[in-house]
N, C-alpha and C. Protein backbone atom coordinates (compact mmCIF):
# COMPACT_ATOMS: atom_id res chain seq x y z
N MET A 1 2.48 13.41 3.02
CA MET A 1 1.90 12.13 3.37
C MET A 1 2.32 11.13 2.29
N LYS A 2 2.83 10.00 2.74
CA LYS A 2 3.33 8.99 1.81
C LYS A 2 2.63 7.66 2.04
N ALA A 3 2.77 6.79 1.03
CA ALA A 3 2.24 5.43 1.10
C ALA A 3 3.31 4.48 0.58
N VAL A 4 3.26 3.25 1.08
CA VAL A 4 4.13 2.19 0.60
C VAL A 4 3.26 1.24 -0.22
N ILE A 5 3.69 1.02 -1.47
CA ILE A 5 2.97 0.12 -2.37
C ILE A 5 3.88 -1.06 -2.66
N THR A 6 3.36 -2.27 -2.46
CA THR A 6 4.11 -3.47 -2.82
C THR A 6 3.36 -4.20 -3.93
N VAL A 7 4.13 -4.78 -4.84
CA VAL A 7 3.57 -5.51 -5.97
C VAL A 7 4.32 -6.84 -6.08
N THR A 8 3.60 -7.94 -6.10
CA THR A 8 4.22 -9.26 -6.29
C THR A 8 3.38 -10.08 -7.25
N GLY A 9 4.06 -10.97 -7.96
CA GLY A 9 3.35 -11.86 -8.87
C GLY A 9 4.27 -12.38 -9.95
N LYS A 10 3.69 -13.07 -10.91
CA LYS A 10 4.45 -13.57 -12.06
C LYS A 10 4.91 -12.38 -12.89
N ASP A 11 6.15 -12.43 -13.35
CA ASP A 11 6.70 -11.34 -14.15
C ASP A 11 6.02 -11.28 -15.51
N SER A 12 5.78 -10.06 -15.98
CA SER A 12 5.25 -9.84 -17.32
C SER A 12 5.61 -8.42 -17.75
N VAL A 13 5.52 -8.17 -19.01
CA VAL A 13 5.84 -6.86 -19.56
C VAL A 13 4.81 -5.84 -19.09
N GLY A 14 5.28 -4.67 -18.63
CA GLY A 14 4.40 -3.55 -18.35
C GLY A 14 3.91 -3.40 -16.92
N ILE A 15 4.40 -4.22 -16.00
CA ILE A 15 3.91 -4.12 -14.61
C ILE A 15 4.23 -2.73 -14.04
N ILE A 16 5.48 -2.33 -14.13
CA ILE A 16 5.87 -1.03 -13.57
C ILE A 16 5.10 0.09 -14.27
N ALA A 17 4.97 0.00 -15.57
CA ALA A 17 4.25 1.03 -16.33
C ALA A 17 2.79 1.14 -15.89
N SER A 18 2.12 0.01 -15.69
CA SER A 18 0.70 0.07 -15.33
C SER A 18 0.52 0.63 -13.92
N VAL A 19 1.39 0.26 -12.99
CA VAL A 19 1.29 0.79 -11.62
C VAL A 19 1.61 2.28 -11.63
N ALA A 20 2.65 2.66 -12.35
CA ALA A 20 3.03 4.08 -12.43
C ALA A 20 1.91 4.91 -13.06
N GLU A 21 1.25 4.36 -14.08
CA GLU A 21 0.15 5.08 -14.74
C GLU A 21 -1.01 5.31 -13.78
N LYS A 22 -1.35 4.29 -12.98
CA LYS A 22 -2.45 4.45 -12.01
C LYS A 22 -2.08 5.49 -10.95
N CYS A 23 -0.83 5.46 -10.50
CA CYS A 23 -0.38 6.46 -9.53
C CYS A 23 -0.49 7.85 -10.13
N SER A 24 0.01 8.00 -11.34
CA SER A 24 -0.01 9.30 -12.02
C SER A 24 -1.42 9.82 -12.23
N SER A 25 -2.31 8.94 -12.67
CA SER A 25 -3.69 9.38 -12.95
C SER A 25 -4.42 9.80 -11.67
N ALA A 26 -3.97 9.29 -10.53
CA ALA A 26 -4.57 9.68 -9.25
C ALA A 26 -3.88 10.90 -8.64
N GLY A 27 -2.77 11.33 -9.25
CA GLY A 27 -2.04 12.48 -8.71
C GLY A 27 -0.98 12.10 -7.69
N ALA A 28 -0.65 10.82 -7.59
CA ALA A 28 0.38 10.36 -6.67
C ALA A 28 1.74 10.43 -7.37
N ASN A 29 2.76 10.81 -6.62
CA ASN A 29 4.11 10.95 -7.17
C ASN A 29 5.01 9.86 -6.60
N ILE A 30 5.67 9.11 -7.48
CA ILE A 30 6.59 8.06 -7.06
C ILE A 30 7.87 8.72 -6.56
N VAL A 31 8.19 8.48 -5.28
CA VAL A 31 9.37 9.08 -4.65
C VAL A 31 10.56 8.14 -4.76
N ASP A 32 10.34 6.85 -4.58
CA ASP A 32 11.41 5.86 -4.64
C ASP A 32 10.80 4.53 -5.09
N ILE A 33 11.62 3.74 -5.77
CA ILE A 33 11.15 2.46 -6.28
C ILE A 33 12.29 1.46 -6.29
N SER A 34 11.97 0.24 -5.92
CA SER A 34 12.93 -0.86 -5.99
C SER A 34 12.17 -2.07 -6.52
N GLN A 35 12.76 -2.74 -7.50
CA GLN A 35 12.09 -3.92 -8.05
C GLN A 35 13.12 -4.99 -8.36
N SER A 36 12.64 -6.21 -8.37
CA SER A 36 13.51 -7.34 -8.64
C SER A 36 12.71 -8.43 -9.33
N VAL A 37 13.39 -9.16 -10.20
CA VAL A 37 12.78 -10.32 -10.83
C VAL A 37 13.60 -11.53 -10.38
N LEU A 38 12.93 -12.45 -9.70
CA LEU A 38 13.56 -13.67 -9.20
C LEU A 38 13.02 -14.83 -10.02
N GLN A 39 13.83 -15.30 -10.96
CA GLN A 39 13.39 -16.28 -11.95
C GLN A 39 12.17 -15.72 -12.66
N GLU A 40 10.98 -16.29 -12.49
CA GLU A 40 9.80 -15.75 -13.19
C GLU A 40 8.90 -14.91 -12.29
N TYR A 41 9.38 -14.58 -11.09
CA TYR A 41 8.56 -13.83 -10.13
C TYR A 41 9.02 -12.38 -10.01
N PHE A 42 8.06 -11.49 -9.96
CA PHE A 42 8.31 -10.05 -9.89
C PHE A 42 7.99 -9.56 -8.48
N ALA A 43 8.84 -8.70 -7.95
CA ALA A 43 8.59 -8.07 -6.64
C ALA A 43 9.01 -6.61 -6.73
N MET A 44 8.16 -5.72 -6.22
CA MET A 44 8.45 -4.29 -6.26
C MET A 44 7.92 -3.63 -4.99
N ILE A 45 8.65 -2.64 -4.52
CA ILE A 45 8.18 -1.80 -3.44
C ILE A 45 8.39 -0.35 -3.88
N MET A 46 7.37 0.45 -3.64
CA MET A 46 7.43 1.87 -4.03
C MET A 46 7.06 2.73 -2.84
N LEU A 47 7.70 3.87 -2.75
CA LEU A 47 7.31 4.91 -1.80
C LEU A 47 6.67 6.00 -2.64
N VAL A 48 5.43 6.33 -2.33
CA VAL A 48 4.64 7.24 -3.16
C VAL A 48 4.12 8.38 -2.32
N ASP A 49 4.29 9.61 -2.81
CA ASP A 49 3.73 10.78 -2.15
C ASP A 49 2.27 10.90 -2.56
N VAL A 50 1.37 10.79 -1.58
CA VAL A 50 -0.07 10.83 -1.87
C VAL A 50 -0.71 12.13 -1.35
N THR A 51 0.11 13.12 -1.07
CA THR A 51 -0.39 14.39 -0.54
C THR A 51 -1.44 15.01 -1.45
N ASN A 52 -1.22 14.93 -2.76
CA ASN A 52 -2.10 15.63 -3.71
C ASN A 52 -2.97 14.70 -4.55
N ILE A 53 -3.29 13.51 -4.02
CA ILE A 53 -4.13 12.62 -4.82
C ILE A 53 -5.52 13.22 -4.99
N SER A 54 -6.15 12.84 -6.10
CA SER A 54 -7.43 13.44 -6.48
C SER A 54 -8.64 12.67 -5.96
N CYS A 55 -8.41 11.71 -5.07
CA CYS A 55 -9.49 10.90 -4.52
C CYS A 55 -9.17 10.60 -3.07
N PRO A 56 -10.15 10.14 -2.31
CA PRO A 56 -9.85 9.72 -0.93
C PRO A 56 -8.83 8.57 -0.94
N PHE A 57 -8.00 8.51 0.10
CA PHE A 57 -6.95 7.50 0.16
C PHE A 57 -7.52 6.09 0.04
N ALA A 58 -8.64 5.82 0.69
CA ALA A 58 -9.25 4.48 0.63
C ALA A 58 -9.62 4.11 -0.82
N GLU A 59 -10.06 5.08 -1.58
CA GLU A 59 -10.39 4.83 -2.99
C GLU A 59 -9.11 4.52 -3.79
N PHE A 60 -8.03 5.23 -3.49
CA PHE A 60 -6.74 4.97 -4.14
C PHE A 60 -6.28 3.54 -3.83
N VAL A 61 -6.42 3.13 -2.57
CA VAL A 61 -6.06 1.76 -2.18
C VAL A 61 -6.88 0.76 -2.98
N ASP A 62 -8.18 0.98 -3.07
CA ASP A 62 -9.06 0.06 -3.81
C ASP A 62 -8.70 0.01 -5.30
N THR A 63 -8.34 1.14 -5.87
CA THR A 63 -7.94 1.20 -7.28
C THR A 63 -6.68 0.38 -7.52
N MET A 64 -5.71 0.49 -6.61
CA MET A 64 -4.47 -0.26 -6.76
C MET A 64 -4.72 -1.76 -6.58
N THR A 65 -5.56 -2.11 -5.61
CA THR A 65 -5.90 -3.52 -5.39
C THR A 65 -6.58 -4.11 -6.62
N ALA A 66 -7.51 -3.36 -7.19
CA ALA A 66 -8.23 -3.81 -8.39
C ALA A 66 -7.29 -3.98 -9.57
N LEU A 67 -6.32 -3.09 -9.71
CA LEU A 67 -5.32 -3.21 -10.77
C LEU A 67 -4.55 -4.54 -10.62
N GLY A 68 -4.20 -4.85 -9.39
CA GLY A 68 -3.50 -6.11 -9.14
C GLY A 68 -4.35 -7.31 -9.53
N LYS A 69 -5.59 -7.33 -9.10
CA LYS A 69 -6.48 -8.45 -9.42
C LYS A 69 -6.66 -8.61 -10.93
N LYS A 70 -6.80 -7.49 -11.61
CA LYS A 70 -6.98 -7.50 -13.06
C LYS A 70 -5.78 -8.11 -13.77
N ASN A 71 -4.59 -7.92 -13.20
CA ASN A 71 -3.36 -8.36 -13.86
C ASN A 71 -2.72 -9.58 -13.19
N GLY A 72 -3.44 -10.24 -12.30
CA GLY A 72 -2.91 -11.44 -11.65
C GLY A 72 -1.76 -11.15 -10.69
N LEU A 73 -1.79 -9.98 -10.07
CA LEU A 73 -0.76 -9.55 -9.12
C LEU A 73 -1.39 -9.30 -7.76
N VAL A 74 -0.55 -9.23 -6.75
CA VAL A 74 -1.01 -8.79 -5.43
C VAL A 74 -0.40 -7.41 -5.21
N ILE A 75 -1.27 -6.41 -5.14
CA ILE A 75 -0.81 -5.03 -4.89
C ILE A 75 -1.41 -4.58 -3.57
N THR A 76 -0.54 -4.21 -2.64
CA THR A 76 -1.00 -3.67 -1.36
C THR A 76 -0.52 -2.23 -1.25
N THR A 77 -1.37 -1.39 -0.70
CA THR A 77 -1.06 0.02 -0.52
C THR A 77 -1.33 0.36 0.94
N MET A 78 -0.29 0.84 1.60
CA MET A 78 -0.38 1.11 3.04
C MET A 78 0.11 2.53 3.34
N HIS A 79 -0.69 3.27 4.08
CA HIS A 79 -0.29 4.61 4.50
C HIS A 79 0.99 4.50 5.33
N GLU A 80 1.90 5.45 5.17
CA GLU A 80 3.18 5.37 5.88
C GLU A 80 3.01 5.33 7.39
N ASP A 81 2.00 5.96 7.93
CA ASP A 81 1.79 5.93 9.38
C ASP A 81 1.52 4.51 9.87
N ILE A 82 0.71 3.76 9.13
CA ILE A 82 0.44 2.37 9.48
C ILE A 82 1.71 1.54 9.32
N PHE A 83 2.40 1.73 8.21
CA PHE A 83 3.63 1.00 7.95
C PHE A 83 4.65 1.24 9.07
N ASN A 84 4.84 2.50 9.45
CA ASN A 84 5.79 2.84 10.51
C ASN A 84 5.37 2.24 11.85
N ALA A 85 4.09 2.29 12.17
CA ALA A 85 3.59 1.74 13.43
C ALA A 85 3.81 0.22 13.49
N MET A 86 3.66 -0.45 12.38
CA MET A 86 3.85 -1.90 12.34
C MET A 86 5.30 -2.29 12.55
N HIS A 87 6.22 -1.40 12.24
CA HIS A 87 7.63 -1.73 12.30
C HIS A 87 8.36 -1.04 13.45
N ARG A 88 7.61 -0.53 14.40
CA ARG A 88 8.18 0.08 15.59
C ARG A 88 8.27 -0.94 16.70
N ILE A 89 9.37 -0.94 17.39
CA ILE A 89 9.54 -1.88 18.52
C ILE A 89 9.12 -1.21 19.80
């Protein structure tokens, strides 16, 4: 079971590290990551394996959202099933 995590906001030192640390502490494994800095703006998308997370998925989503708010970022976490359904024609 995988999730797609997106992170956007003003660029600053440690964004990737803080998101990766939250994933790791929950037992989520980063499978793939792509990030870009456009002038002063940061954008990242991650594919994360959440099969073995130590909390309910909804709690993981809330934790990631709270991390974003704390750091002035927008972090969204979406289960791959929802993501795939949204992008099916």
